[in-house]
Protein backbone atom coordinates (compact mmCIF):
# COMPACT_ATOMS: atom_id res chain seq x y z
CA MET A 1 0.00 0.00 0.00
CA LEU A 2 2.96 2.33 0.47
CA ASP A 3 4.49 1.67 -2.94
CA GLY A 4 4.22 4.61 -5.29
CA THR A 5 5.34 8.18 -5.72
CA TRP A 6 4.55 10.64 -2.94
CA ILE A 7 4.72 14.44 -3.23
CA LEU A 8 5.97 16.31 -0.17
CA ASP A 9 3.35 18.85 0.91
CA ARG A 10 4.51 19.89 4.37
CA ALA A 11 7.57 19.45 6.57
CA GLU A 12 8.25 20.26 10.21
CA LEU A 13 11.44 20.13 12.28
CA VAL A 14 11.96 20.95 15.98
CA GLY A 15 8.40 22.21 16.32
CA LYS A 16 8.52 24.59 13.36
CA ARG A 17 7.13 24.28 9.86
CA LEU A 18 9.83 24.53 7.22
CA PRO A 19 9.43 27.09 4.42
CA ASP A 20 7.64 25.63 1.39
CA ASP A 21 10.18 26.92 -1.13
CA GLY A 22 12.89 24.57 0.09
CA TYR A 23 11.11 21.27 -0.45
CA ARG A 24 7.54 21.57 -1.68
CA GLY A 25 6.92 19.25 -4.63
CA SER A 26 9.88 16.98 -3.87
CA LYS A 27 9.11 13.34 -4.53
CA LEU A 28 9.52 10.29 -2.32
CA GLU A 29 9.48 7.07 -4.32
CA LEU A 30 8.71 3.85 -2.46
CA SER A 31 8.97 0.51 -4.22
CA ARG A 32 9.23 -2.97 -2.72
CA GLY A 33 11.17 -1.96 0.36
CA THR A 34 13.39 0.65 -1.32
CA TYR A 35 13.12 4.43 -1.25
CA ARG A 36 14.48 7.39 -3.17
CA PHE A 37 14.17 11.03 -2.13
CA GLN A 38 16.28 13.47 -4.14
CA ASP A 39 19.87 12.14 -3.79
CA ASP A 40 19.03 9.96 -0.77
CA ARG A 41 18.43 6.26 -1.45
CA GLY A 42 18.10 3.18 0.67
CA THR A 43 15.68 0.65 2.08
CA TYR A 44 12.75 0.73 4.45
CA ARG A 45 10.81 -1.83 6.41
CA ALA A 46 7.26 -1.04 7.50
CA ARG A 47 5.38 -3.08 10.08
CA LEU A 48 2.66 -2.89 12.69
CA GLU A 49 3.78 -2.66 16.32
CA ALA A 50 1.82 -2.32 19.55
CA GLY A 51 2.12 1.48 19.41
CA GLY A 52 1.14 1.82 15.74
CA ASN A 53 2.79 1.65 12.34
CA ALA A 54 6.56 1.48 12.57
CA MET A 55 9.11 2.02 9.83
CA ASP A 56 12.88 1.64 9.81
CA VAL A 57 14.58 3.68 7.10
CA VAL A 58 18.14 2.63 6.25
CA GLY A 59 20.20 4.97 4.10
CA ALA A 60 22.45 3.48 1.44
CA GLU A 61 23.54 6.56 -0.53
CA CYS A 62 24.01 10.25 0.40
CA PRO A 63 23.32 11.95 2.92
CA ASN A 64 21.98 9.18 5.16
CA ALA A 65 24.35 6.42 4.05
CA GLY A 66 24.84 3.95 6.87
CA LYS A 67 22.18 5.50 9.11
CA THR A 68 19.03 3.84 10.41
CA LEU A 69 16.18 6.23 11.14
CA PRO A 70 13.46 4.80 13.39
CA SER A 71 10.17 6.24 12.19
CA SER A 72 6.41 6.04 12.59
CA TYR A 73 3.95 6.36 9.73
CA GLU A 74 0.27 6.92 9.16
CA LEU A 75 -1.57 6.28 5.90
CA GLN A 76 -5.03 7.77 5.42
CA GLY A 77 -6.25 7.45 1.84
CA ASP A 78 -3.82 9.37 -0.35
CA ILE A 79 -2.06 11.10 2.57
CA LEU A 80 1.08 9.58 4.10
CA ARG A 81 2.66 11.08 7.21
CA ILE A 82 6.06 9.90 8.37
CA CYS A 83 7.75 11.10 11.54
CA TYR A 84 11.48 10.30 11.44
CA ASP A 85 13.98 10.50 14.28
CA LEU A 86 17.02 11.96 12.52
CA SER A 87 19.21 11.18 15.54
CA GLY A 88 18.53 7.47 15.01
CA GLU A 89 17.81 6.96 18.70
CA THR A 90 14.07 6.67 19.38
CA ARG A 91 10.98 5.85 17.36
CA PRO A 92 8.61 8.86 17.46
CA GLN A 93 5.43 8.17 19.41
CA ARG A 94 3.46 11.14 18.04
CA PHE A 95 3.08 12.87 14.70
CA SER A 96 4.57 16.13 15.87
CA THR A 97 8.01 17.58 16.48
CA GLU A 98 9.36 19.41 19.48
CA PRO A 99 12.29 21.72 20.19
CA GLY A 100 15.28 19.84 21.54
CA THR A 101 14.61 16.75 19.40
CA ARG A 102 15.80 15.69 15.96
CA GLN A 103 12.36 14.56 14.85
CA PHE A 104 11.26 15.43 11.33
CA LEU A 105 7.60 15.20 10.28
CA ALA A 106 6.77 14.96 6.58
CA THR A 107 3.31 14.94 5.03
CA TYR A 108 3.05 13.53 1.52
CA ARG A 109 0.20 13.08 -0.94
CA ARG A 110 0.11 10.25 -3.45
CA GLU A 111 0.98 11.30 -6.99
CA ARG A 112 -1.81 10.51 -9.41
CA THR A 113 -0.84 8.93 -12.70
CA GLY A 114 -2.75 8.76 -15.96
CA SER A 115 -5.58 10.97 -17.15
């Protein structure tokens, strides 16, 4: 259900929304356990845990090469929200970010293909 191309609509870091001009329209491509976002590529594993939907994102190429980012995700129709812990330490328990953390919240919408 996660496979496809997702357009980044909104991003938040340390409790603040990031300016749209820096990322809006960027694409996240998910396919059979692999991801690509700009020059960042790697693998991901999504699963259901007691606290909700968990995802481990493992970077293989730039800038997250060798890093594992524990994440949580929520899929509602054509909207996918992923909250990543950029420090690699703790899986986010909420879909929000706070000052003093390295959590990054991204909201994507599924790209529609065909006419």
